[in-house]
N, C-alpha and C. Protein backbone atom coordinates (compact mmCIF):
# COMPACT_ATOMS: atom_id res chain seq x y z
N MET A 1 -4.39 -13.00 -2.80
CA MET A 1 -5.16 -13.74 -1.82
C MET A 1 -6.09 -14.73 -2.49
N SER A 2 -6.66 -14.33 -3.62
CA SER A 2 -7.59 -15.24 -4.30
C SER A 2 -6.90 -16.53 -4.74
N ASN A 3 -5.65 -16.45 -5.13
CA ASN A 3 -4.92 -17.64 -5.52
C ASN A 3 -4.68 -18.55 -4.31
N ALA A 4 -4.43 -17.97 -3.17
CA ALA A 4 -4.15 -18.75 -1.96
C ALA A 4 -5.38 -19.51 -1.49
N ILE A 5 -6.57 -18.94 -1.72
CA ILE A 5 -7.77 -19.57 -1.19
C ILE A 5 -8.69 -20.15 -2.26
N ASP A 6 -8.31 -20.03 -3.53
CA ASP A 6 -9.10 -20.56 -4.65
C ASP A 6 -10.52 -19.97 -4.70
N GLN A 7 -10.61 -18.66 -4.52
CA GLN A 7 -11.88 -17.96 -4.66
C GLN A 7 -11.70 -16.78 -5.60
N LYS A 8 -12.79 -16.40 -6.25
CA LYS A 8 -12.73 -15.26 -7.13
C LYS A 8 -12.47 -13.99 -6.33
N PRO A 9 -11.64 -13.11 -6.85
CA PRO A 9 -11.43 -11.82 -6.16
C PRO A 9 -12.66 -10.93 -6.37
N PRO A 10 -12.75 -9.84 -5.62
CA PRO A 10 -13.85 -8.90 -5.85
C PRO A 10 -13.85 -8.45 -7.31
N SER A 11 -15.03 -8.24 -7.85
CA SER A 11 -15.16 -7.92 -9.28
C SER A 11 -14.43 -6.63 -9.65
N PHE A 12 -14.35 -5.67 -8.75
CA PHE A 12 -13.70 -4.40 -9.11
C PHE A 12 -12.20 -4.53 -9.28
N THR A 13 -11.60 -5.60 -8.83
CA THR A 13 -10.14 -5.77 -9.00
C THR A 13 -9.79 -6.08 -10.45
N GLN A 14 -10.77 -6.42 -11.25
CA GLN A 14 -10.52 -6.75 -12.65
C GLN A 14 -10.56 -5.51 -13.54
N SER A 15 -10.90 -4.37 -12.97
CA SER A 15 -11.01 -3.15 -13.77
C SER A 15 -9.82 -2.23 -13.51
N ASP A 16 -9.72 -1.21 -14.32
CA ASP A 16 -8.62 -0.24 -14.22
C ASP A 16 -9.06 0.92 -13.32
N LEU A 17 -9.06 0.68 -12.01
CA LEU A 17 -9.54 1.69 -11.06
C LEU A 17 -8.71 2.96 -11.09
N GLU A 18 -7.43 2.83 -11.34
CA GLU A 18 -6.55 3.99 -11.33
C GLU A 18 -7.00 5.06 -12.32
N HIS A 19 -7.58 4.66 -13.42
CA HIS A 19 -8.00 5.61 -14.44
C HIS A 19 -9.51 5.78 -14.52
N SER A 20 -10.24 5.18 -13.59
CA SER A 20 -11.68 5.28 -13.58
C SER A 20 -12.13 6.57 -12.89
N PRO A 21 -12.90 7.42 -13.57
CA PRO A 21 -13.39 8.66 -12.94
C PRO A 21 -14.23 8.38 -11.69
N ASN A 22 -14.91 7.24 -11.66
CA ASN A 22 -15.75 6.90 -10.51
C ASN A 22 -14.95 6.50 -9.28
N ALA A 23 -13.66 6.25 -9.44
CA ALA A 23 -12.84 5.79 -8.32
C ALA A 23 -11.90 6.87 -7.80
N GLN A 24 -12.13 8.11 -8.17
CA GLN A 24 -11.20 9.17 -7.82
C GLN A 24 -11.64 9.99 -6.61
N LYS A 25 -12.79 9.71 -6.07
CA LYS A 25 -13.29 10.46 -4.93
C LYS A 25 -13.01 9.71 -3.64
N LYS A 26 -12.92 10.45 -2.55
CA LYS A 26 -12.57 9.86 -1.26
C LYS A 26 -13.50 8.71 -0.88
N ASP A 27 -14.80 8.90 -1.05
CA ASP A 27 -15.73 7.85 -0.65
C ASP A 27 -15.55 6.58 -1.49
N SER A 28 -15.20 6.74 -2.76
CA SER A 28 -14.95 5.58 -3.62
C SER A 28 -13.68 4.86 -3.20
N VAL A 29 -12.64 5.62 -2.93
CA VAL A 29 -11.37 5.02 -2.49
C VAL A 29 -11.59 4.27 -1.18
N MET A 30 -12.30 4.89 -0.26
CA MET A 30 -12.58 4.23 1.03
C MET A 30 -13.36 2.93 0.80
N TYR A 31 -14.31 2.95 -0.10
CA TYR A 31 -15.10 1.76 -0.39
C TYR A 31 -14.20 0.64 -0.92
N TYR A 32 -13.37 0.95 -1.92
CA TYR A 32 -12.53 -0.08 -2.52
C TYR A 32 -11.49 -0.62 -1.54
N VAL A 33 -10.89 0.24 -0.77
CA VAL A 33 -9.89 -0.21 0.21
C VAL A 33 -10.55 -1.07 1.28
N THR A 34 -11.66 -0.59 1.83
CA THR A 34 -12.35 -1.34 2.87
C THR A 34 -12.85 -2.69 2.35
N SER A 35 -13.40 -2.69 1.15
CA SER A 35 -13.87 -3.94 0.55
C SER A 35 -12.73 -4.92 0.34
N SER A 36 -11.59 -4.42 -0.07
CA SER A 36 -10.42 -5.28 -0.26
C SER A 36 -9.95 -5.89 1.05
N TYR A 37 -9.89 -5.06 2.09
CA TYR A 37 -9.50 -5.58 3.40
C TYR A 37 -10.51 -6.61 3.89
N ASP A 38 -11.79 -6.31 3.76
CA ASP A 38 -12.82 -7.25 4.20
C ASP A 38 -12.70 -8.57 3.46
N TYR A 39 -12.45 -8.50 2.16
CA TYR A 39 -12.28 -9.72 1.36
C TYR A 39 -11.14 -10.57 1.93
N CYS A 40 -10.00 -9.95 2.18
CA CYS A 40 -8.82 -10.69 2.67
C CYS A 40 -9.04 -11.23 4.08
N ILE A 41 -9.62 -10.43 4.95
CA ILE A 41 -9.88 -10.89 6.32
C ILE A 41 -10.82 -12.08 6.30
N ASN A 42 -11.90 -11.98 5.53
CA ASN A 42 -12.85 -13.10 5.45
C ASN A 42 -12.23 -14.32 4.78
N ALA A 43 -11.36 -14.09 3.82
CA ALA A 43 -10.69 -15.21 3.15
C ALA A 43 -9.86 -16.02 4.14
N VAL A 44 -9.12 -15.33 4.99
CA VAL A 44 -8.31 -16.03 5.99
C VAL A 44 -9.20 -16.72 7.01
N ARG A 45 -10.20 -16.01 7.50
CA ARG A 45 -11.10 -16.59 8.51
C ARG A 45 -11.82 -17.83 8.00
N ASN A 46 -12.21 -17.83 6.74
CA ASN A 46 -13.03 -18.91 6.20
C ASN A 46 -12.23 -19.98 5.45
N SER A 47 -10.93 -19.82 5.38
CA SER A 47 -10.13 -20.81 4.67
C SER A 47 -9.86 -22.02 5.56
N ASP A 48 -9.54 -23.11 4.92
CA ASP A 48 -9.24 -24.35 5.63
C ASP A 48 -7.77 -24.33 6.05
N ILE A 49 -7.52 -24.19 7.33
CA ILE A 49 -6.15 -24.09 7.84
C ILE A 49 -5.34 -25.34 7.48
N ASN A 50 -6.00 -26.46 7.28
CA ASN A 50 -5.30 -27.69 6.93
C ASN A 50 -4.71 -27.65 5.52
N LYS A 51 -5.15 -26.69 4.71
CA LYS A 51 -4.64 -26.56 3.34
C LYS A 51 -3.53 -25.50 3.23
N TRP A 52 -3.23 -24.81 4.28
CA TRP A 52 -2.26 -23.70 4.22
C TRP A 52 -0.87 -24.17 3.81
N GLY A 53 -0.53 -25.41 4.03
CA GLY A 53 0.78 -25.93 3.66
C GLY A 53 0.86 -26.41 2.22
N GLU A 54 -0.27 -26.47 1.52
CA GLU A 54 -0.28 -26.91 0.12
C GLU A 54 0.44 -25.91 -0.77
N LYS A 55 1.14 -26.43 -1.76
CA LYS A 55 1.87 -25.58 -2.71
C LYS A 55 0.94 -25.10 -3.81
N LYS A 56 1.15 -23.85 -4.24
CA LYS A 56 0.42 -23.23 -5.33
C LYS A 56 1.42 -22.52 -6.22
N LYS A 57 1.05 -22.28 -7.48
CA LYS A 57 1.92 -21.54 -8.40
C LYS A 57 1.25 -20.21 -8.75
N LEU A 58 2.07 -19.18 -8.82
CA LEU A 58 1.60 -17.85 -9.21
C LEU A 58 2.78 -17.08 -9.80
N PHE A 59 2.60 -16.56 -11.00
CA PHE A 59 3.64 -15.78 -11.67
C PHE A 59 4.97 -16.51 -11.73
N GLY A 60 4.93 -17.82 -11.91
CA GLY A 60 6.14 -18.61 -12.03
C GLY A 60 6.77 -19.00 -10.69
N PHE A 61 6.16 -18.61 -9.59
CA PHE A 61 6.67 -18.96 -8.26
C PHE A 61 5.79 -20.04 -7.66
N GLU A 62 6.42 -20.96 -6.95
CA GLU A 62 5.67 -21.98 -6.23
C GLU A 62 5.89 -21.77 -4.74
N GLU A 63 4.81 -21.53 -4.03
CA GLU A 63 4.86 -21.29 -2.58
C GLU A 63 3.65 -21.94 -1.93
N THR A 64 3.66 -21.99 -0.62
CA THR A 64 2.49 -22.51 0.09
C THR A 64 1.38 -21.47 0.07
N ARG A 65 0.18 -21.95 0.32
CA ARG A 65 -0.96 -21.03 0.42
C ARG A 65 -0.68 -19.97 1.49
N LEU A 66 -0.12 -20.40 2.62
CA LEU A 66 0.19 -19.46 3.69
C LEU A 66 1.19 -18.41 3.23
N ALA A 67 2.19 -18.80 2.46
CA ALA A 67 3.18 -17.84 1.96
C ALA A 67 2.52 -16.79 1.08
N PHE A 68 1.55 -17.22 0.25
CA PHE A 68 0.84 -16.24 -0.59
C PHE A 68 -0.04 -15.32 0.26
N MET A 69 -0.63 -15.86 1.32
CA MET A 69 -1.40 -15.00 2.23
C MET A 69 -0.50 -13.96 2.88
N MET A 70 0.68 -14.40 3.31
CA MET A 70 1.63 -13.47 3.94
C MET A 70 2.13 -12.44 2.93
N LYS A 71 2.30 -12.84 1.69
CA LYS A 71 2.72 -11.90 0.64
C LYS A 71 1.65 -10.83 0.43
N THR A 72 0.40 -11.22 0.54
CA THR A 72 -0.70 -10.25 0.44
C THR A 72 -0.58 -9.21 1.54
N PHE A 73 -0.33 -9.66 2.76
CA PHE A 73 -0.18 -8.74 3.89
C PHE A 73 1.03 -7.83 3.68
N GLU A 74 2.14 -8.41 3.22
CA GLU A 74 3.34 -7.62 2.95
C GLU A 74 3.08 -6.55 1.90
N HIS A 75 2.32 -6.91 0.87
CA HIS A 75 2.01 -5.99 -0.22
C HIS A 75 1.22 -4.79 0.30
N GLN A 76 0.22 -5.04 1.13
CA GLN A 76 -0.57 -3.92 1.66
C GLN A 76 0.27 -3.07 2.60
N THR A 77 1.19 -3.67 3.32
CA THR A 77 2.07 -2.91 4.21
C THR A 77 2.95 -1.97 3.41
N HIS A 78 3.43 -2.43 2.28
CA HIS A 78 4.25 -1.60 1.39
C HIS A 78 3.46 -0.36 0.95
N HIS A 79 2.23 -0.58 0.50
CA HIS A 79 1.42 0.55 0.04
C HIS A 79 0.99 1.45 1.20
N ARG A 80 0.77 0.89 2.36
CA ARG A 80 0.46 1.71 3.54
C ARG A 80 1.63 2.65 3.83
N GLY A 81 2.84 2.13 3.74
CA GLY A 81 4.02 2.97 3.96
C GLY A 81 4.13 4.08 2.93
N GLN A 82 3.89 3.77 1.67
CA GLN A 82 3.92 4.80 0.62
C GLN A 82 2.87 5.88 0.89
N THR A 83 1.69 5.45 1.24
CA THR A 83 0.59 6.38 1.48
C THR A 83 0.86 7.25 2.70
N THR A 84 1.43 6.68 3.75
CA THR A 84 1.75 7.44 4.95
C THR A 84 2.73 8.56 4.63
N ILE A 85 3.74 8.27 3.85
CA ILE A 85 4.71 9.30 3.46
C ILE A 85 4.03 10.40 2.66
N TYR A 86 3.21 10.01 1.69
CA TYR A 86 2.51 10.99 0.86
C TYR A 86 1.62 11.89 1.72
N ILE A 87 0.87 11.28 2.64
CA ILE A 87 -0.03 12.06 3.51
C ILE A 87 0.78 13.04 4.36
N ARG A 88 1.88 12.58 4.91
CA ARG A 88 2.72 13.48 5.73
C ARG A 88 3.30 14.62 4.91
N LEU A 89 3.70 14.34 3.67
CA LEU A 89 4.22 15.40 2.81
C LEU A 89 3.16 16.45 2.49
N GLN A 90 1.90 16.08 2.60
CA GLN A 90 0.81 17.02 2.38
C GLN A 90 0.47 17.81 3.66
N GLY A 91 1.23 17.53 4.74
CA GLY A 91 1.01 18.23 6.00
C GLY A 91 -0.15 17.68 6.81
N ILE A 92 -0.54 16.46 6.51
CA ILE A 92 -1.67 15.83 7.20
C ILE A 92 -1.14 14.70 8.08
N LYS A 93 -1.68 14.60 9.28
CA LYS A 93 -1.30 13.51 10.17
C LYS A 93 -2.06 12.25 9.72
N PRO A 94 -1.34 11.18 9.38
CA PRO A 94 -2.02 9.98 8.92
C PRO A 94 -2.86 9.34 10.03
N PRO A 95 -3.94 8.67 9.66
CA PRO A 95 -4.74 7.99 10.69
C PRO A 95 -3.96 6.84 11.30
N LYS A 96 -4.34 6.50 12.52
CA LYS A 96 -3.69 5.35 13.17
C LYS A 96 -4.06 4.09 12.41
N GLU A 97 -3.14 3.15 12.38
CA GLU A 97 -3.40 1.91 11.68
C GLU A 97 -4.33 1.05 12.50
N ARG A 98 -5.33 0.51 11.84
CA ARG A 98 -6.31 -0.37 12.47
C ARG A 98 -6.49 -1.55 11.53
N LEU A 99 -5.90 -2.68 11.85
CA LEU A 99 -5.94 -3.81 10.93
C LEU A 99 -7.26 -4.55 10.95
N PHE A 100 -7.80 -4.78 12.13
CA PHE A 100 -9.02 -5.60 12.20
C PHE A 100 -10.06 -4.93 13.04
């Protein structure tokens, strides 16, 4: 998302959260996930819609800003699906999805 809107991502995305002891508790995970969603929602709301058709490069791919925004949404959907399966395998009913 940061590439699509030319803004710095949240500072915690630059660290190795997966191996950080401070990021292993439920409240920490909730904080990071919620902060990430808030960042993306605000990025879309505050971006200039007239620039969405501009081409950008990322990882050797050239796409429009809008395409990169949509890829961000697709990426979170993929992980939501993985998490839902994991939660169900633990015998827990996953929470209802609430995007905004």
